[in-house]
Amino acid sequence: MSQCFAYVSDVTNVKNRLLRIAIVQSSGILILGACQIAVGLLISEFGFLPPLWLVMSVFIMSLLYVIIPGLLIETVDRNKDKKSDGGHLKSSIKAGINDLTNLFKTNVNLRRWRLGVLYLIQFFRELLESSAQLVILYGLGSPFCWSPLNVSTYTIIITFGAAIGKLNFFVILSFFLFL
């Protein structure tokens, strides 16, 4: 998902960037909901183990793709004169940490305030998503005894609402933060 955000940030202008990122985020949420339904159907049909192994294998392949140097193709050549051997994990981590701290060191156009607002919004969003997981746990127990398909249906309804809400919120937020 981060790669999609980076690509959208590279190919769009500043005025349309937030809306495009909101569309990518919302479509990712909708795909997540569809995957929940698919996993619920797989659990109903085959039990818990085959869907678990499927999800774990996709996760491991994604992790290997990111971890193994040289598999990711860098689209921006920052060091044209230096030859890269694909390694330098330690320097990449250090550069990432420096870039993150530089976000807060400079305060151009009230950047720190905007980042603070965005982190606060993210904190409350995580609280809401955590509460949705508690509803699933409550629904699994008696008197409801939800099936895996019921849990998947509930999840897709919640994620669809979140996707629509995020699109609307990002449009409103773009007026607030970038005007």
C-alpha atoms as a PDB file:
ATOM      1  CA  MET A   1       0.000   0.000   0.000  1.00  0.00           C
ATOM      2  CA  SER A   2       2.888   2.337   0.745  1.00  0.00           C
ATOM      3  CA  GLN A   3       4.210   1.773  -2.753  1.00  0.00           C
ATOM      4  CA  CYS A   4       0.852   2.862  -4.169  1.00  0.00           C
ATOM      5  CA  PHE A   5       0.951   6.020  -2.052  1.00  0.00           C
ATOM      6  CA  ALA A   6       4.497   6.778  -3.182  1.00  0.00           C
ATOM      7  CA  TYR A   7       3.579   6.270  -6.830  1.00  0.00           C
ATOM      8  CA  VAL A   8       0.487   8.468  -6.576  1.00  0.00           C
ATOM      9  CA  SER A   9       2.547  11.156  -4.854  1.00  0.00           C
ATOM     10  CA  ASP A  10       5.116  11.035  -7.659  1.00  0.00           C
ATOM     11  CA  VAL A  11       2.712  11.254 -10.589  1.00  0.00           C
ATOM     12  CA  THR A  12       0.107  13.759  -9.334  1.00  0.00           C
ATOM     13  CA  ASN A  13       0.355  17.467  -8.731  1.00  0.00           C
ATOM     14  CA  VAL A  14       0.045  18.933  -5.253  1.00  0.00           C
ATOM     15  CA  LYS A  15      -3.540  20.105  -5.754  1.00  0.00           C
ATOM     16  CA  ASN A  16      -4.918  16.631  -6.586  1.00  0.00           C
ATOM     17  CA  ARG A  17      -2.580  14.545  -4.436  1.00  0.00           C
ATOM     18  CA  LEU A  18      -4.717  14.267  -1.290  1.00  0.00           C
ATOM     19  CA  LEU A  19      -7.818  13.215  -3.198  1.00  0.00           C
ATOM     20  CA  ARG A  20      -5.844  10.607  -5.180  1.00  0.00           C
ATOM     21  CA  ILE A  21      -4.326   9.199  -1.984  1.00  0.00           C
ATOM     22  CA  ALA A  22      -7.806   9.075  -0.436  1.00  0.00           C
ATOM     23  CA  ILE A  23      -9.059   7.110  -3.459  1.00  0.00           C
ATOM     24  CA  VAL A  24      -6.156   4.644  -3.160  1.00  0.00           C
ATOM     25  CA  GLN A  25      -6.783   4.248   0.578  1.00  0.00           C
ATOM     26  CA  SER A  26     -10.519   3.760   0.126  1.00  0.00           C
ATOM     27  CA  SER A  27     -10.086   1.224  -2.657  1.00  0.00           C
ATOM     28  CA  GLY A  28      -7.626  -0.641  -0.442  1.00  0.00           C
ATOM     29  CA  ILE A  29     -10.221  -0.717   2.322  1.00  0.00           C
ATOM     30  CA  LEU A  30     -12.868  -2.031  -0.070  1.00  0.00           C
ATOM     31  CA  ILE A  31     -10.485  -4.758  -1.268  1.00  0.00           C
ATOM     32  CA  LEU A  32      -9.832  -5.635   2.371  1.00  0.00           C
ATOM     33  CA  GLY A  33     -13.563  -6.064   2.895  1.00  0.00           C
ATOM     34  CA  ALA A  34     -13.848  -8.306  -0.171  1.00  0.00           C
ATOM     35  CA  CYS A  35     -10.941 -10.387   1.119  1.00  0.00           C
ATOM     36  CA  GLN A  36     -12.767 -10.763   4.426  1.00  0.00           C
ATOM     37  CA  ILE A  37     -15.764 -12.264   2.623  1.00  0.00           C
ATOM     38  CA  ALA A  38     -13.481 -14.584   0.633  1.00  0.00           C
ATOM     39  CA  VAL A  39     -11.658 -15.751   3.756  1.00  0.00           C
ATOM     40  CA  GLY A  40     -14.996 -16.248   5.537  1.00  0.00           C
ATOM     41  CA  LEU A  41     -16.185 -18.464   2.670  1.00  0.00           C
ATOM     42  CA  LEU A  42     -12.891 -20.389   2.693  1.00  0.00           C
ATOM     43  CA  ILE A  43     -13.162 -20.959   6.444  1.00  0.00           C
ATOM     44  CA  SER A  44     -16.749 -22.137   6.066  1.00  0.00           C
ATOM     45  CA  GLU A  45     -15.783 -24.544   3.296  1.00  0.00           C
ATOM     46  CA  PHE A  46     -12.353 -25.857   4.355  1.00  0.00           C
ATOM     47  CA  GLY A  47     -11.859 -24.955   8.021  1.00  0.00           C
ATOM     48  CA  PHE A  48      -9.322 -22.571   9.530  1.00  0.00           C
ATOM     49  CA  LEU A  49      -6.011 -24.088   8.466  1.00  0.00           C
ATOM     50  CA  PRO A  50      -6.024 -23.675   4.631  1.00  0.00           C
ATOM     51  CA  PRO A  51      -7.001 -19.965   4.726  1.00  0.00           C
ATOM     52  CA  LEU A  52      -4.404 -19.395   7.451  1.00  0.00           C
ATOM     53  CA  TRP A  53      -1.672 -20.975   5.321  1.00  0.00           C
ATOM     54  CA  LEU A  54      -2.812 -18.993   2.277  1.00  0.00           C
ATOM     55  CA  VAL A  55      -2.677 -15.680   4.121  1.00  0.00           C
ATOM     56  CA  MET A  56       0.637 -16.539   5.795  1.00  0.00           C
ATOM     57  CA  SER A  57       2.249 -17.546   2.492  1.00  0.00           C
ATOM     58  CA  VAL A  58       1.188 -14.285   0.827  1.00  0.00           C
ATOM     59  CA  PHE A  59       2.509 -12.371   3.833  1.00  0.00           C
ATOM     60  CA  ILE A  60       5.843 -14.206   3.732  1.00  0.00           C
ATOM     61  CA  MET A  61       6.206 -13.578  -0.014  1.00  0.00           C
ATOM     62  CA  SER A  62       5.518  -9.874   0.516  1.00  0.00           C
ATOM     63  CA  LEU A  63       8.001  -9.746   3.384  1.00  0.00           C
ATOM     64  CA  LEU A  64      10.690 -11.443   1.310  1.00  0.00           C
ATOM     65  CA  TYR A  65      10.058  -9.047  -1.554  1.00  0.00           C
ATOM     66  CA  VAL A  66      10.720  -6.094   0.722  1.00  0.00           C
ATOM     67  CA  ILE A  67      13.603  -7.585   2.725  1.00  0.00           C
ATOM     68  CA  ILE A  68      15.765  -9.076  -0.044  1.00  0.00           C
ATOM     69  CA  PRO A  69      17.901  -6.273  -1.486  1.00  0.00           C
ATOM     70  CA  GLY A  70      17.863  -5.852  -5.228  1.00  0.00           C
ATOM     71  CA  LEU A  71      14.309  -7.050  -5.791  1.00  0.00           C
ATOM     72  CA  LEU A  72      12.832  -3.583  -5.442  1.00  0.00           C
ATOM     73  CA  ILE A  73      13.595  -1.373  -8.404  1.00  0.00           C
ATOM     74  CA  GLU A  74      14.400   2.193  -7.406  1.00  0.00           C
ATOM     75  CA  THR A  75      12.654   4.629  -9.730  1.00  0.00           C
ATOM     76  CA  VAL A  76      14.588   7.691  -8.593  1.00  0.00           C
ATOM     77  CA  ASP A  77      18.357   7.544  -9.078  1.00  0.00           C
ATOM     78  CA  ARG A  78      19.650   9.745  -6.266  1.00  0.00           C
ATOM     79  CA  ASN A  79      23.290   8.711  -6.621  1.00  0.00           C
ATOM     80  CA  LYS A  80      24.102   8.672 -10.319  1.00  0.00           C
ATOM     81  CA  ASP A  81      27.840   8.658  -9.699  1.00  0.00           C
ATOM     82  CA  LYS A  82      27.850   6.003  -6.955  1.00  0.00           C
ATOM     83  CA  LYS A  83      27.444   2.356  -7.797  1.00  0.00           C
ATOM     84  CA  SER A  84      24.959   0.579  -5.529  1.00  0.00           C
ATOM     85  CA  ASP A  85      25.404  -3.074  -4.684  1.00  0.00           C
ATOM     86  CA  GLY A  86      21.848  -3.441  -3.333  1.00  0.00           C
ATOM     87  CA  GLY A  87      22.907  -3.733   0.303  1.00  0.00           C
ATOM     88  CA  HIS A  88      23.395  -0.929   2.816  1.00  0.00           C
ATOM     89  CA  LEU A  89      20.469  -1.887   5.024  1.00  0.00           C
ATOM     90  CA  LYS A  90      21.969  -0.059   7.989  1.00  0.00           C
ATOM     91  CA  SER A  91      22.435   3.189   6.057  1.00  0.00           C
ATOM     92  CA  SER A  92      18.918   2.908   4.598  1.00  0.00           C
ATOM     93  CA  ILE A  93      17.419   2.557   8.078  1.00  0.00           C
ATOM     94  CA  LYS A  94      19.475   5.495   9.318  1.00  0.00           C
ATOM     95  CA  ALA A  95      18.397   7.635   6.352  1.00  0.00           C
ATOM     96  CA  GLY A  96      14.745   6.714   6.975  1.00  0.00           C
ATOM     97  CA  ILE A  97      14.989   7.712  10.624  1.00  0.00           C
ATOM     98  CA  ASN A  98      16.699  10.982   9.658  1.00  0.00           C
ATOM     99  CA  ASP A  99      13.980  11.738   7.125  1.00  0.00           C
ATOM    100  CA  LEU A 100      11.325  11.062   9.755  1.00  0.00           C
ATOM    101  CA  THR A 101      12.952  13.364  12.302  1.00  0.00           C
ATOM    102  CA  ASN A 102      13.385  16.056   9.634  1.00  0.00           C
ATOM    103  CA  LEU A 103       9.614  16.123   9.247  1.00  0.00           C
ATOM    104  CA  PHE A 104       9.373  17.576  12.741  1.00  0.00           C
ATOM    105  CA  LYS A 105      12.520  19.723  12.679  1.00  0.00           C
ATOM    106  CA  THR A 106      11.297  22.083   9.996  1.00  0.00           C
ATOM    107  CA  ASN A 107       8.137  24.084  10.490  1.00  0.00           C
ATOM    108  CA  VAL A 108       7.382  25.391   7.002  1.00  0.00           C
ATOM    109  CA  ASN A 109       3.751  26.467   6.577  1.00  0.00           C
ATOM    110  CA  LEU A 110       2.842  25.145  10.067  1.00  0.00           C
ATOM    111  CA  ARG A 111       3.970  21.604   9.195  1.00  0.00           C
ATOM    112  CA  ARG A 112       4.305  20.493  12.830  1.00  0.00           C
ATOM    113  CA  TRP A 113       0.772  21.604  13.617  1.00  0.00           C
ATOM    114  CA  ARG A 114      -0.594  19.776  10.568  1.00  0.00           C
ATOM    115  CA  LEU A 115       1.318  16.616  11.437  1.00  0.00           C
ATOM    116  CA  GLY A 116       0.025  16.818  14.988  1.00  0.00           C
ATOM    117  CA  VAL A 117      -3.562  17.070  13.750  1.00  0.00           C
ATOM    118  CA  LEU A 118      -3.041  14.124  11.401  1.00  0.00           C
ATOM    119  CA  TYR A 119      -1.508  11.992  14.167  1.00  0.00           C
ATOM    120  CA  LEU A 120      -4.414  12.846  16.466  1.00  0.00           C
ATOM    121  CA  ILE A 121      -6.868  11.839  13.736  1.00  0.00           C
ATOM    122  CA  GLN A 122      -4.945   8.589  13.236  1.00  0.00           C
ATOM    123  CA  PHE A 123      -5.075   7.893  16.985  1.00  0.00           C
ATOM    124  CA  PHE A 124      -8.872   8.208  17.077  1.00  0.00           C
ATOM    125  CA  ARG A 125      -9.202   6.150  13.890  1.00  0.00           C
ATOM    126  CA  GLU A 126      -7.229   3.340  15.503  1.00  0.00           C
ATOM    127  CA  LEU A 127      -9.516   3.509  18.546  1.00  0.00           C
ATOM    128  CA  LEU A 128     -12.559   3.096  16.304  1.00  0.00           C
ATOM    129  CA  GLU A 129     -11.026   0.186  14.407  1.00  0.00           C
ATOM    130  CA  SER A 130     -10.110  -1.522  17.670  1.00  0.00           C
ATOM    131  CA  SER A 131     -13.674  -1.200  18.889  1.00  0.00           C
ATOM    132  CA  ALA A 132     -14.892  -2.893  15.686  1.00  0.00           C
ATOM    133  CA  GLN A 133     -12.736  -5.894  16.601  1.00  0.00           C
ATOM    134  CA  LEU A 134     -14.396  -6.029  20.012  1.00  0.00           C
ATOM    135  CA  VAL A 135     -17.804  -6.195  18.331  1.00  0.00           C
ATOM    136  CA  ILE A 136     -16.580  -9.202  16.349  1.00  0.00           C
ATOM    137  CA  LEU A 137     -15.467 -10.935  19.548  1.00  0.00           C
ATOM    138  CA  TYR A 138     -18.841 -10.191  21.129  1.00  0.00           C
ATOM    139  CA  GLY A 139     -20.658 -11.504  18.052  1.00  0.00           C
ATOM    140  CA  LEU A 140     -18.697 -14.763  18.082  1.00  0.00           C
ATOM    141  CA  GLY A 141     -19.855 -15.615  21.604  1.00  0.00           C
ATOM    142  CA  SER A 142     -23.265 -16.668  22.781  1.00  0.00           C
ATOM    143  CA  PRO A 143     -26.121 -15.612  22.312  1.00  0.00           C
ATOM    144  CA  PHE A 144     -25.123 -14.571  18.764  1.00  0.00           C
ATOM    145  CA  CYS A 145     -22.635 -17.317  17.757  1.00  0.00           C
ATOM    146  CA  TRP A 146     -21.703 -15.713  14.446  1.00  0.00           C
ATOM    147  CA  SER A 147     -20.343 -17.923  11.709  1.00  0.00           C
ATOM    148  CA  PRO A 148     -17.157 -16.934   9.834  1.00  0.00           C
ATOM    149  CA  LEU A 149     -19.345 -15.703   6.985  1.00  0.00           C
ATOM    150  CA  ASN A 150     -21.313 -13.454   9.370  1.00  0.00           C
ATOM    151  CA  VAL A 151     -18.047 -12.009  10.697  1.00  0.00           C
ATOM    152  CA  SER A 152     -16.882 -11.378   7.135  1.00  0.00           C
ATOM    153  CA  THR A 153     -20.154  -9.682   6.228  1.00  0.00           C
ATOM    154  CA  TYR A 154     -19.946  -7.451   9.294  1.00  0.00           C
ATOM    155  CA  THR A 155     -16.340  -6.575   8.413  1.00  0.00           C
ATOM    156  CA  ILE A 156     -17.139  -5.616   4.834  1.00  0.00           C
ATOM    157  CA  ILE A 157     -20.035  -3.414   5.974  1.00  0.00           C
ATOM    158  CA  ILE A 158     -17.756  -1.649   8.458  1.00  0.00           C
ATOM    159  CA  THR A 159     -14.934  -1.244   5.935  1.00  0.00           C
ATOM    160  CA  PHE A 160     -17.280   0.042   3.236  1.00  0.00           C
ATOM    161  CA  GLY A 161     -18.552   2.689   5.640  1.00  0.00           C
ATOM    162  CA  ALA A 162     -14.974   3.578   6.545  1.00  0.00           C
ATOM    163  CA  ALA A 163     -14.011   3.925   2.874  1.00  0.00           C
ATOM    164  CA  ILE A 164     -16.896   6.286   2.134  1.00  0.00           C
ATOM    165  CA  GLY A 165     -16.171   8.239   5.300  1.00  0.00           C
ATOM    166  CA  LYS A 166     -12.495   8.580   4.441  1.00  0.00           C
ATOM    167  CA  LEU A 167     -13.216   9.903   0.983  1.00  0.00           C
ATOM    168  CA  ASN A 168     -15.519  12.554   2.408  1.00  0.00           C
ATOM    169  CA  PHE A 169     -13.160  13.360   5.259  1.00  0.00           C
ATOM    170  CA  PHE A 170     -10.141  13.773   2.973  1.00  0.00           C
ATOM    171  CA  VAL A 171     -12.041  16.221   0.791  1.00  0.00           C
ATOM    172  CA  ILE A 172     -12.974  18.286   3.856  1.00  0.00           C
ATOM    173  CA  LEU A 173      -9.459  17.952   5.302  1.00  0.00           C
ATOM    174  CA  SER A 174      -7.874  19.164   2.065  1.00  0.00           C
ATOM    175  CA  PHE A 175      -9.709  22.479   2.413  1.00  0.00           C
ATOM    176  CA  PHE A 176      -8.687  22.760   6.062  1.00  0.00           C
ATOM    177  CA  LEU A 177      -5.001  21.865   5.771  1.00  0.00           C
ATOM    178  CA  PHE A 178      -3.963  23.066   2.350  1.00  0.00           C
ATOM    179  CA  LEU A 179      -5.703  26.388   1.770  1.00  0.00           C
END
